Amino acid sequence: MTSSLKDKRCAACKPGTPALTQQQIGLLIAEVSGWKQQDGQIAKTFNFKDYHHTMAFVNAVAWVAHREDHHPDMEVGYNRCTVRYSTHSVGGLSENDFICAAKVDALGA
């Protein structure tokens, strides 16, 4: 039995590693609630009651990115943050994107 995504660790993608297939993406995206696939990435918008809570979330995501060495694009507003993952080295999505998405969800935002 495989561990849940949030319990896995990101691994460096070796040169030539292919992006996930649409079938693989379909299986993994089912494990991360609310994330949508779009333009070669997965994204989710998180809403908060105020700026302080938004920034606390952004800092927590930054810590996840540091620990996993896998960094999202983030769009931050007063009471929301959109997080986007893709893996540039594979030219699309890798399991690392879904691992980090699950870890971000586990922050309890």
PDB file of N, CA and C in Angstrom:
ATOM      1  N   MET A   1       0.849  -1.191   0.000  1.00  0.00           N
ATOM      2  CA  MET A   1       0.000   0.000   0.000  1.00  0.00           C
ATOM      3  C   MET A   1       0.889   1.247   0.000  1.00  0.00           C
ATOM      4  N   THR A   2       0.552   2.223  -0.818  1.00  0.00           N
ATOM      5  CA  THR A   2       1.343   3.442  -0.883  1.00  0.00           C
ATOM      6  C   THR A   2       0.897   4.397   0.217  1.00  0.00           C
ATOM      7  N   SER A   3       1.824   5.239   0.637  1.00  0.00           N
ATOM      8  CA  SER A   3       1.485   6.215   1.662  1.00  0.00           C
ATOM      9  C   SER A   3       0.704   7.357   1.029  1.00  0.00           C
ATOM     10  N   SER A   4       0.014   8.113   1.859  1.00  0.00           N
ATOM     11  CA  SER A   4      -0.723   9.256   1.328  1.00  0.00           C
ATOM     12  C   SER A   4       0.273  10.285   0.820  1.00  0.00           C
ATOM     13  N   LEU A   5      -0.166  11.111  -0.092  1.00  0.00           N
ATOM     14  CA  LEU A   5       0.716  12.109  -0.697  1.00  0.00           C
ATOM     15  C   LEU A   5       1.379  12.995   0.340  1.00  0.00           C
ATOM     16  N   LYS A   6       0.631  13.418   1.347  1.00  0.00           N
ATOM     17  CA  LYS A   6       1.196  14.355   2.325  1.00  0.00           C
ATOM     18  C   LYS A   6       2.312  13.733   3.153  1.00  0.00           C
ATOM     19  N   ASP A   7       2.405  12.403   3.175  1.00  0.00           N
ATOM     20  CA  ASP A   7       3.451  11.725   3.930  1.00  0.00           C
ATOM     21  C   ASP A   7       4.689  11.435   3.088  1.00  0.00           C
ATOM     22  N   LYS A   8       4.613  11.696   1.794  1.00  0.00           N
ATOM     23  CA  LYS A   8       5.749  11.472   0.909  1.00  0.00           C
ATOM     24  C   LYS A   8       6.655  12.698   0.911  1.00  0.00           C
ATOM     25  N   ARG A   9       7.847  12.539   0.353  1.00  0.00           N
ATOM     26  CA  ARG A   9       8.790  13.641   0.197  1.00  0.00           C
ATOM     27  C   ARG A   9       9.056  13.836  -1.293  1.00  0.00           C
ATOM     28  N   CYS A  10       9.289  15.056  -1.687  1.00  0.00           N
ATOM     29  CA  CYS A  10       9.623  15.344  -3.078  1.00  0.00           C
ATOM     30  C   CYS A  10      11.002  14.777  -3.389  1.00  0.00           C
ATOM     31  N   ALA A  11      11.153  14.322  -4.622  1.00  0.00           N
ATOM     32  CA  ALA A  11      12.435  13.807  -5.096  1.00  0.00           C
ATOM     33  C   ALA A  11      12.824  14.587  -6.343  1.00  0.00           C
ATOM     34  N   ALA A  12      14.114  14.852  -6.479  1.00  0.00           N
ATOM     35  CA  ALA A  12      14.598  15.558  -7.666  1.00  0.00           C
ATOM     36  C   ALA A  12      14.275  14.733  -8.909  1.00  0.00           C
ATOM     37  N   CYS A  13      13.813  15.396  -9.935  1.00  0.00           N
ATOM     38  CA  CYS A  13      13.513  14.727 -11.197  1.00  0.00           C
ATOM     39  C   CYS A  13      14.796  14.625 -12.008  1.00  0.00           C
ATOM     40  N   LYS A  14      15.176  13.414 -12.353  1.00  0.00           N
ATOM     41  CA  LYS A  14      16.389  13.188 -13.134  1.00  0.00           C
ATOM     42  C   LYS A  14      16.194  13.738 -14.540  1.00  0.00           C
ATOM     43  N   PRO A  15      17.275  14.163 -15.184  1.00  0.00           N
ATOM     44  CA  PRO A  15      17.167  14.641 -16.566  1.00  0.00           C
ATOM     45  C   PRO A  15      16.463  13.600 -17.442  1.00  0.00           C
ATOM     46  N   GLY A  16      15.535  14.076 -18.244  1.00  0.00           N
ATOM     47  CA  GLY A  16      14.788  13.188 -19.121  1.00  0.00           C
ATOM     48  C   GLY A  16      13.528  12.600 -18.506  1.00  0.00           C
ATOM     49  N   THR A  17      13.266  12.926 -17.226  1.00  0.00           N
ATOM     50  CA  THR A  17      12.049  12.434 -16.592  1.00  0.00           C
ATOM     51  C   THR A  17      10.847  13.034 -17.315  1.00  0.00           C
ATOM     52  N   PRO A  18       9.915  12.194 -17.758  1.00  0.00           N
ATOM     53  CA  PRO A  18       8.752  12.736 -18.465  1.00  0.00           C
ATOM     54  C   PRO A  18       7.724  13.311 -17.492  1.00  0.00           C
ATOM     55  N   ALA A  19       6.933  14.235 -17.996  1.00  0.00           N
ATOM     56  CA  ALA A  19       5.798  14.742 -17.221  1.00  0.00           C
ATOM     57  C   ALA A  19       4.789  13.612 -17.048  1.00  0.00           C
ATOM     58  N   LEU A  20       3.936  13.748 -16.057  1.00  0.00           N
ATOM     59  CA  LEU A  20       2.881  12.758 -15.839  1.00  0.00           C
ATOM     60  C   LEU A  20       1.927  12.719 -17.025  1.00  0.00           C
ATOM     61  N   THR A  21       1.371  11.559 -17.262  1.00  0.00           N
ATOM     62  CA  THR A  21       0.343  11.423 -18.297  1.00  0.00           C
ATOM     63  C   THR A  21      -0.982  11.939 -17.754  1.00  0.00           C
ATOM     64  N   GLN A  22      -1.921  12.180 -18.625  1.00  0.00           N
ATOM     65  CA  GLN A  22      -3.235  12.639 -18.187  1.00  0.00           C
ATOM     66  C   GLN A  22      -3.897  11.607 -17.277  1.00  0.00           C
ATOM     67  N   GLN A  23      -3.673  10.338 -17.542  1.00  0.00           N
ATOM     68  CA  GLN A  23      -4.239   9.287 -16.692  1.00  0.00           C
ATOM     69  C   GLN A  23      -3.636   9.349 -15.288  1.00  0.00           C
ATOM     70  N   GLN A  24      -2.316   9.515 -15.200  1.00  0.00           N
ATOM     71  CA  GLN A  24      -1.662   9.634 -13.900  1.00  0.00           C
ATOM     72  C   GLN A  24      -2.139  10.884 -13.160  1.00  0.00           C
ATOM     73  N   ILE A  25      -2.283  11.978 -13.885  1.00  0.00           N
ATOM     74  CA  ILE A  25      -2.768  13.225 -13.283  1.00  0.00           C
ATOM     75  C   ILE A  25      -4.171  13.026 -12.725  1.00  0.00           C
ATOM     76  N   GLY A  26      -5.018  12.340 -13.482  1.00  0.00           N
ATOM     77  CA  GLY A  26      -6.389  12.084 -13.028  1.00  0.00           C
ATOM     78  C   GLY A  26      -6.438  11.325 -11.721  1.00  0.00           C
ATOM     79  N   LEU A  27      -5.558  10.354 -11.557  1.00  0.00           N
ATOM     80  CA  LEU A  27      -5.520   9.581 -10.313  1.00  0.00           C
ATOM     81  C   LEU A  27      -5.033  10.436  -9.142  1.00  0.00           C
ATOM     82  N   LEU A  28      -4.016  11.241  -9.384  1.00  0.00           N
ATOM     83  CA  LEU A  28      -3.444  12.046  -8.303  1.00  0.00           C
ATOM     84  C   LEU A  28      -4.315  13.240  -7.923  1.00  0.00           C
ATOM     85  N   ILE A  29      -4.929  13.865  -8.912  1.00  0.00           N
ATOM     86  CA  ILE A  29      -5.731  15.058  -8.590  1.00  0.00           C
ATOM     87  C   ILE A  29      -6.956  14.690  -7.760  1.00  0.00           C
ATOM     88  N   ALA A  30      -7.382  13.444  -7.869  1.00  0.00           N
ATOM     89  CA  ALA A  30      -8.502  12.973  -7.051  1.00  0.00           C
ATOM     90  C   ALA A  30      -8.125  12.933  -5.570  1.00  0.00           C
ATOM     91  N   GLU A  31      -6.835  12.945  -5.277  1.00  0.00           N
ATOM     92  CA  GLU A  31      -6.355  12.881  -3.890  1.00  0.00           C
ATOM     93  C   GLU A  31      -6.154  14.256  -3.255  1.00  0.00           C
ATOM     94  N   VAL A  32      -6.282  15.321  -4.042  1.00  0.00           N
ATOM     95  CA  VAL A  32      -6.081  16.679  -3.507  1.00  0.00           C
ATOM     96  C   VAL A  32      -7.338  17.500  -3.793  1.00  0.00           C
ATOM     97  N   SER A  33      -8.169  17.608  -2.807  1.00  0.00           N
ATOM     98  CA  SER A  33      -9.478  18.231  -2.937  1.00  0.00           C
ATOM     99  C   SER A  33      -9.392  19.704  -3.332  1.00  0.00           C
ATOM    100  N   GLY A  34     -10.142  20.066  -4.354  1.00  0.00           N
ATOM    101  CA  GLY A  34     -10.265  21.466  -4.743  1.00  0.00           C
ATOM    102  C   GLY A  34      -9.194  21.963  -5.694  1.00  0.00           C
ATOM    103  N   TRP A  35      -8.183  21.173  -5.964  1.00  0.00           N
ATOM    104  CA  TRP A  35      -7.138  21.570  -6.908  1.00  0.00           C
ATOM    105  C   TRP A  35      -7.638  21.313  -8.318  1.00  0.00           C
ATOM    106  N   LYS A  36      -7.339  22.238  -9.216  1.00  0.00           N
ATOM    107  CA  LYS A  36      -7.768  22.136 -10.618  1.00  0.00           C
ATOM    108  C   LYS A  36      -6.548  22.113 -11.518  1.00  0.00           C
ATOM    109  N   GLN A  37      -6.616  21.289 -12.547  1.00  0.00           N
ATOM    110  CA  GLN A  37      -5.557  21.259 -13.551  1.00  0.00           C
ATOM    111  C   GLN A  37      -5.876  22.307 -14.606  1.00  0.00           C
ATOM    112  N   GLN A  38      -4.868  23.095 -14.947  1.00  0.00           N
ATOM    113  CA  GLN A  38      -5.067  24.145 -15.935  1.00  0.00           C
ATOM    114  C   GLN A  38      -3.713  24.584 -16.485  1.00  0.00           C
ATOM    115  N   ASP A  39      -3.587  24.635 -17.785  1.00  0.00           N
ATOM    116  CA  ASP A  39      -2.377  25.145 -18.448  1.00  0.00           C
ATOM    117  C   ASP A  39      -1.092  24.509 -17.935  1.00  0.00           C
ATOM    118  N   GLY A  40      -1.087  23.185 -17.792  1.00  0.00           N
ATOM    119  CA  GLY A  40       0.122  22.484 -17.383  1.00  0.00           C
ATOM    120  C   GLY A  40       0.485  22.628 -15.924  1.00  0.00           C
ATOM    121  N   GLN A  41      -0.460  23.066 -15.112  1.00  0.00           N
ATOM    122  CA  GLN A  41      -0.223  23.221 -13.684  1.00  0.00           C
ATOM    123  C   GLN A  41      -1.459  22.804 -12.904  1.00  0.00           C
ATOM    124  N   ILE A  42      -1.303  22.698 -11.600  1.00  0.00           N
ATOM    125  CA  ILE A  42      -2.461  22.537 -10.717  1.00  0.00           C
ATOM    126  C   ILE A  42      -2.527  23.779  -9.844  1.00  0.00           C
ATOM    127  N   ALA A  43      -3.737  24.197  -9.537  1.00  0.00           N
ATOM    128  CA  ALA A  43      -3.919  25.436  -8.780  1.00  0.00           C
ATOM    129  C   ALA A  43      -5.119  25.327  -7.841  1.00  0.00           C
ATOM    130  N   LYS A  44      -5.028  26.082  -6.764  1.00  0.00           N
ATOM    131  CA  LYS A  44      -6.139  26.172  -5.812  1.00  0.00           C
ATOM    132  C   LYS A  44      -6.081  27.543  -5.152  1.00  0.00           C
ATOM    133  N   THR A  45      -7.254  28.148  -4.952  1.00  0.00           N
ATOM    134  CA  THR A  45      -7.351  29.429  -4.254  1.00  0.00           C
ATOM    135  C   THR A  45      -7.858  29.181  -2.837  1.00  0.00           C
ATOM    136  N   PHE A  46      -7.150  29.739  -1.881  1.00  0.00           N
ATOM    137  CA  PHE A  46      -7.494  29.643  -0.465  1.00  0.00           C
ATOM    138  C   PHE A  46      -7.987  31.010  -0.013  1.00  0.00           C
ATOM    139  N   ASN A  47      -9.066  31.037   0.761  1.00  0.00           N
ATOM    140  CA  ASN A  47      -9.660  32.285   1.241  1.00  0.00           C
ATOM    141  C   ASN A  47      -9.503  32.390   2.756  1.00  0.00           C
ATOM    142  N   PHE A  48      -9.281  33.621   3.234  1.00  0.00           N
ATOM    143  CA  PHE A  48      -9.024  33.880   4.647  1.00  0.00           C
ATOM    144  C   PHE A  48      -9.859  35.057   5.130  1.00  0.00           C
ATOM    145  N   LYS A  49      -9.931  35.218   6.446  1.00  0.00           N
ATOM    146  CA  LYS A  49     -10.758  36.291   6.974  1.00  0.00           C
ATOM    147  C   LYS A  49     -10.069  37.647   6.943  1.00  0.00           C
ATOM    148  N   ASP A  50      -8.729  37.673   6.858  1.00  0.00           N
ATOM    149  CA  ASP A  50      -8.022  38.954   6.832  1.00  0.00           C
ATOM    150  C   ASP A  50      -6.595  38.769   6.334  1.00  0.00           C
ATOM    151  N   TYR A  51      -5.897  39.873   6.209  1.00  0.00           N
ATOM    152  CA  TYR A  51      -4.538  39.882   5.664  1.00  0.00           C
ATOM    153  C   TYR A  51      -3.569  39.088   6.543  1.00  0.00           C
ATOM    154  N   HIS A  52      -3.703  39.232   7.849  1.00  0.00           N
ATOM    155  CA  HIS A  52      -2.818  38.526   8.770  1.00  0.00           C
ATOM    156  C   HIS A  52      -2.883  37.015   8.537  1.00  0.00           C
ATOM    157  N   HIS A  53      -4.070  36.473   8.431  1.00  0.00           N
ATOM    158  CA  HIS A  53      -4.230  35.032   8.204  1.00  0.00           C
ATOM    159  C   HIS A  53      -3.713  34.626   6.823  1.00  0.00           C
ATOM    160  N   THR A  54      -3.908  35.487   5.841  1.00  0.00           N
ATOM    161  CA  THR A  54      -3.390  35.209   4.495  1.00  0.00           C
ATOM    162  C   THR A  54      -1.869  35.113   4.536  1.00  0.00           C
ATOM    163  N   MET A  55      -1.229  36.067   5.188  1.00  0.00           N
ATOM    164  CA  MET A  55       0.230  36.085   5.228  1.00  0.00           C
ATOM    165  C   MET A  55       0.792  34.933   6.063  1.00  0.00           C
ATOM    166  N   ALA A  56       0.093  34.539   7.096  1.00  0.00           N
ATOM    167  CA  ALA A  56       0.530  33.375   7.880  1.00  0.00           C
ATOM    168  C   ALA A  56       0.519  32.132   6.989  1.00  0.00           C
ATOM    169  N   PHE A  57      -0.509  32.005   6.166  1.00  0.00           N
ATOM    170  CA  PHE A  57      -0.599  30.895   5.228  1.00  0.00           C
ATOM    171  C   PHE A  57       0.547  30.956   4.213  1.00  0.00           C
ATOM    172  N   VAL A  58       0.786  32.129   3.641  1.00  0.00           N
ATOM    173  CA  VAL A  58       1.870  32.291   2.659  1.00  0.00           C
ATOM    174  C   VAL A  58       3.204  31.867   3.270  1.00  0.00           C
ATOM    175  N   ASN A  59       3.468  32.271   4.507  1.00  0.00           N
ATOM    176  CA  ASN A  59       4.712  31.883   5.169  1.00  0.00           C
ATOM    177  C   ASN A  59       4.782  30.383   5.424  1.00  0.00           C
ATOM    178  N   ALA A  60       3.645  29.773   5.745  1.00  0.00           N
ATOM    179  CA  ALA A  60       3.623  28.325   5.950  1.00  0.00           C
ATOM    180  C   ALA A  60       3.883  27.590   4.630  1.00  0.00           C
ATOM    181  N   VAL A  61       3.319  28.086   3.529  1.00  0.00           N
ATOM    182  CA  VAL A  61       3.577  27.493   2.216  1.00  0.00           C
ATOM    183  C   VAL A  61       5.058  27.652   1.860  1.00  0.00           C
ATOM    184  N   ALA A  62       5.632  28.794   2.192  1.00  0.00           N
ATOM    185  CA  ALA A  62       7.054  29.005   1.933  1.00  0.00           C
ATOM    186  C   ALA A  62       7.901  27.992   2.704  1.00  0.00           C
ATOM    187  N   TRP A  63       7.501  27.665   3.910  1.00  0.00           N
ATOM    188  CA  TRP A  63       8.232  26.667   4.691  1.00  0.00           C
ATOM    189  C   TRP A  63       8.124  25.289   4.030  1.00  0.00           C
ATOM    190  N   VAL A  64       6.933  24.917   3.582  1.00  0.00           N
ATOM    191  CA  VAL A  64       6.760  23.648   2.859  1.00  0.00           C
ATOM    192  C   VAL A  64       7.673  23.636   1.627  1.00  0.00           C
ATOM    193  N   ALA A  65       7.686  24.724   0.878  1.00  0.00           N
ATOM    194  CA  ALA A  65       8.513  24.817  -0.325  1.00  0.00           C
ATOM    195  C   ALA A  65       9.993  24.643   0.021  1.00  0.00           C
ATOM    196  N   HIS A  66      10.421  25.263   1.091  1.00  0.00           N
ATOM    197  CA  HIS A  66      11.809  25.144   1.531  1.00  0.00           C
ATOM    198  C   HIS A  66      12.143  23.693   1.901  1.00  0.00           C
ATOM    199  N   ARG A  67      11.293  23.071   2.687  1.00  0.00           N
ATOM    200  CA  ARG A  67      11.524  21.697   3.155  1.00  0.00           C
ATOM    201  C   ARG A  67      11.527  20.695   2.002  1.00  0.00           C
ATOM    202  N   GLU A  68      10.667  20.917   1.016  1.00  0.00           N
ATOM    203  CA  GLU A  68      10.540  19.976  -0.099  1.00  0.00           C
ATOM    204  C   GLU A  68      11.405  20.364  -1.299  1.00  0.00           C
ATOM    205  N   ASP A  69      11.996  21.540  -1.265  1.00  0.00           N
ATOM    206  CA  ASP A  69      12.773  22.073  -2.383  1.00  0.00           C
ATOM    207  C   ASP A  69      11.953  22.027  -3.680  1.00  0.00           C
ATOM    208  N   HIS A  70      10.695  22.437  -3.533  1.00  0.00           N
ATOM    209  CA  HIS A  70       9.771  22.485  -4.676  1.00  0.00           C
ATOM    210  C   HIS A  70       8.881  23.708  -4.455  1.00  0.00           C
ATOM    211  N   HIS A  71       8.987  24.680  -5.335  1.00  0.00           N
ATOM    212  CA  HIS A  71       8.456  26.015  -5.068  1.00  0.00           C
ATOM    213  C   HIS A  71       7.283  26.362  -5.974  1.00  0.00           C
ATOM    214  N   PRO A  72       6.169  26.772  -5.385  1.00  0.00           N
ATOM    215  CA  PRO A  72       5.000  27.142  -6.180  1.00  0.00           C
ATOM    216  C   PRO A  72       5.059  28.605  -6.615  1.00  0.00           C
ATOM    217  N   ASP A  73       4.207  28.935  -7.555  1.00  0.00           N
ATOM    218  CA  ASP A  73       3.900  30.334  -7.834  1.00  0.00           C
ATOM    219  C   ASP A  73       2.715  30.671  -6.946  1.00  0.00           C
ATOM    220  N   MET A  74       2.735  31.848  -6.360  1.00  0.00           N
ATOM    221  CA  MET A  74       1.630  32.273  -5.499  1.00  0.00           C
ATOM    222  C   MET A  74       1.171  33.660  -5.899  1.00  0.00           C
ATOM    223  N   GLU A  75      -0.127  33.827  -5.916  1.00  0.00           N
ATOM    224  CA  GLU A  75      -0.743  35.134  -6.144  1.00  0.00           C
ATOM    225  C   GLU A  75      -1.469  35.488  -4.856  1.00  0.00           C
ATOM    226  N   VAL A  76      -1.041  36.592  -4.234  1.00  0.00           N
ATOM    227  CA  VAL A  76      -1.526  36.939  -2.904  1.00  0.00           C
ATOM    228  C   VAL A  76      -2.355  38.215  -2.949  1.00  0.00           C
ATOM    229  N   GLY A  77      -3.500  38.177  -2.307  1.00  0.00           N
ATOM    230  CA  GLY A  77      -4.350  39.341  -2.127  1.00  0.00           C
ATOM    231  C   GLY A  77      -4.659  39.503  -0.650  1.00  0.00           C
ATOM    232  N   TYR A  78      -5.464  40.474  -0.301  1.00  0.00           N
ATOM    233  CA  TYR A  78      -5.778  40.777   1.099  1.00  0.00           C
ATOM    234  C   TYR A  78      -6.277  39.546   1.850  1.00  0.00           C
ATOM    235  N   ASN A  79      -7.250  38.837   1.278  1.00  0.00           N
ATOM    236  CA  ASN A  79      -7.859  37.715   1.999  1.00  0.00           C
ATOM    237  C   ASN A  79      -7.896  36.433   1.166  1.00  0.00           C
ATOM    238  N   ARG A  80      -6.908  36.290   0.264  1.00  0.00           N
ATOM    239  CA  ARG A  80      -6.873  35.086  -0.562  1.00  0.00           C
ATOM    240  C   ARG A  80      -5.450  34.839  -1.045  1.00  0.00           C
ATOM    241  N   CYS A  81      -5.199  33.597  -1.402  1.00  0.00           N
ATOM    242  CA  CYS A  81      -3.916  33.224  -1.993  1.00  0.00           C
ATOM    243  C   CYS A  81      -4.170  32.078  -2.967  1.00  0.00           C
ATOM    244  N   THR A  82      -3.736  32.258  -4.203  1.00  0.00           N
ATOM    245  CA  THR A  82      -3.800  31.183  -5.181  1.00  0.00           C
ATOM    246  C   THR A  82      -2.416  30.570  -5.278  1.00  0.00           C
ATOM    247  N   VAL A  83      -2.365  29.251  -5.121  1.00  0.00           N
ATOM    248  CA  VAL A  83      -1.110  28.503  -5.170  1.00  0.00           C
ATOM    249  C   VAL A  83      -1.124  27.671  -6.443  1.00  0.00           C
ATOM    250  N   ARG A  84      -0.022  27.740  -7.200  1.00  0.00           N
ATOM    251  CA  ARG A  84       0.090  26.997  -8.458  1.00  0.00           C
ATOM    252  C   ARG A  84       1.380  26.184  -8.453  1.00  0.00           C
ATOM    253  N   TYR A  85       1.248  24.919  -8.807  1.00  0.00           N
ATOM    254  CA  TYR A  85       2.409  24.036  -8.912  1.00  0.00           C
ATOM    255  C   TYR A  85       2.554  23.495 -10.319  1.00  0.00           C
ATOM    256  N   SER A  86       3.795  23.390 -10.760  1.00  0.00           N
ATOM    257  CA  SER A  86       4.196  22.650 -11.949  1.00  0.00           C
ATOM    258  C   SER A  86       5.672  22.331 -11.767  1.00  0.00           C
ATOM    259  N   THR A  87       6.184  21.436 -12.588  1.00  0.00           N
ATOM    260  CA  THR A  87       7.589  21.054 -12.479  1.00  0.00           C
ATOM    261  C   THR A  87       8.274  21.446 -13.779  1.00  0.00           C
ATOM    262  N   HIS A  88       9.029  22.522 -13.714  1.00  0.00           N
ATOM    263  CA  HIS A  88       9.660  23.065 -14.917  1.00  0.00           C
ATOM    264  C   HIS A  88      10.607  22.060 -15.569  1.00  0.00           C
ATOM    265  N   SER A  89      11.320  21.270 -14.763  1.00  0.00           N
ATOM    266  CA  SER A  89      12.316  20.347 -15.317  1.00  0.00           C
ATOM    267  C   SER A  89      11.703  19.226 -16.150  1.00  0.00           C
ATOM    268  N   VAL A  90      10.409  18.947 -15.947  1.00  0.00           N
ATOM    269  CA  VAL A  90       9.747  17.917 -16.769  1.00  0.00           C
ATOM    270  C   VAL A  90       8.804  18.537 -17.791  1.00  0.00           C
ATOM    271  N   GLY A  91       8.644  19.840 -17.742  1.00  0.00           N
ATOM    272  CA  GLY A  91       7.774  20.520 -18.693  1.00  0.00           C
ATOM    273  C   GLY A  91       6.301  20.231 -18.497  1.00  0.00           C
ATOM    274  N   GLY A  92       5.902  20.043 -17.261  1.00  0.00           N
ATOM    275  CA  GLY A  92       4.493  19.754 -16.945  1.00  0.00           C
ATOM    276  C   GLY A  92       4.351  19.419 -15.480  1.00  0.00           C
ATOM    277  N   LEU A  93       3.579  18.401 -15.194  1.00  0.00           N
ATOM    278  CA  LEU A  93       3.324  18.018 -13.811  1.00  0.00           C
ATOM    279  C   LEU A  93       4.106  16.763 -13.435  1.00  0.00           C
ATOM    280  N   SER A  94       4.564  16.733 -12.184  1.00  0.00           N
ATOM    281  CA  SER A  94       5.221  15.556 -11.618  1.00  0.00           C
ATOM    282  C   SER A  94       4.519  15.212 -10.310  1.00  0.00           C
ATOM    283  N   GLU A  95       4.855  14.068  -9.752  1.00  0.00           N
ATOM    284  CA  GLU A  95       4.269  13.693  -8.466  1.00  0.00           C
ATOM    285  C   GLU A  95       4.605  14.732  -7.403  1.00  0.00           C
ATOM    286  N   ASN A  96       5.753  15.402  -7.522  1.00  0.00           N
ATOM    287  CA  ASN A  96       6.137  16.431  -6.549  1.00  0.00           C
ATOM    288  C   ASN A  96       5.066  17.508  -6.405  1.00  0.00           C
ATOM    289  N   ASP A  97       4.423  17.865  -7.508  1.00  0.00           N
ATOM    290  CA  ASP A  97       3.381  18.898  -7.458  1.00  0.00           C
ATOM    291  C   ASP A  97       2.222  18.458  -6.570  1.00  0.00           C
ATOM    292  N   PHE A  98       1.860  17.207  -6.665  1.00  0.00           N
ATOM    293  CA  PHE A  98       0.740  16.682  -5.887  1.00  0.00           C
ATOM    294  C   PHE A  98       1.132  16.447  -4.434  1.00  0.00           C
ATOM    295  N   ILE A  99       2.372  16.060  -4.205  1.00  0.00           N
ATOM    296  CA  ILE A  99       2.870  15.912  -2.827  1.00  0.00           C
ATOM    297  C   ILE A  99       2.779  17.267  -2.116  1.00  0.00           C
ATOM    298  N   CYS A 100       3.269  18.309  -2.767  1.00  0.00           N
ATOM    299  CA  CYS A 100       3.232  19.640  -2.157  1.00  0.00           C
ATOM    300  C   CYS A 100       1.803  20.153  -2.007  1.00  0.00           C
ATOM    301  N   ALA A 101       0.947  19.885  -2.986  1.00  0.00           N
ATOM    302  CA  ALA A 101      -0.458  20.291  -2.863  1.00  0.00           C
ATOM    303  C   ALA A 101      -1.091  19.655  -1.630  1.00  0.00           C
ATOM    304  N   ALA A 102      -0.814  18.379  -1.407  1.00  0.00           N
ATOM    305  CA  ALA A 102      -1.365  17.685  -0.233  1.00  0.00           C
ATOM    306  C   ALA A 102      -0.810  18.266   1.065  1.00  0.00           C
ATOM    307  N   LYS A 103       0.464  18.637   1.057  1.00  0.00           N
ATOM    308  CA  LYS A 103       1.073  19.238   2.247  1.00  0.00           C
ATOM    309  C   LYS A 103       0.478  20.628   2.520  1.00  0.00           C
ATOM    310  N   VAL A 104       0.224  21.380   1.468  1.00  0.00           N
ATOM    311  CA  VAL A 104      -0.407  22.689   1.630  1.00  0.00           C
ATOM    312  C   VAL A 104      -1.829  22.511   2.186  1.00  0.00           C
ATOM    313  N   ASP A 105      -2.560  21.555   1.651  1.00  0.00           N
ATOM    314  CA  ASP A 105      -3.909  21.284   2.188  1.00  0.00           C
ATOM    315  C   ASP A 105      -3.861  20.910   3.671  1.00  0.00           C
ATOM    316  N   ALA A 106      -2.821  20.199   4.072  1.00  0.00           N
ATOM    317  CA  ALA A 106      -2.691  19.751   5.466  1.00  0.00           C
ATOM    318  C   ALA A 106      -2.416  20.918   6.415  1.00  0.00           C
ATOM    319  N   LEU A 107      -2.091  22.096   5.880  1.00  0.00           N
ATOM    320  CA  LEU A 107      -1.870  23.266   6.738  1.00  0.00           C
ATOM    321  C   LEU A 107      -3.163  23.706   7.423  1.00  0.00           C
ATOM    322  N   GLY A 108      -4.286  23.234   6.907  1.00  0.00           N
ATOM    323  CA  GLY A 108      -5.556  23.553   7.538  1.00  0.00           C
ATOM    324  C   GLY A 108      -6.121  24.899   7.156  1.00  0.00           C
ATOM    325  N   ALA A 109      -5.759  25.379   5.981  1.00  0.00           N
ATOM    326  CA  ALA A 109      -6.237  26.683   5.512  1.00  0.00           C
ATOM    327  C   ALA A 109      -7.731  26.680   5.268  1.00  0.00           C
TER     328      ALA A 109
END
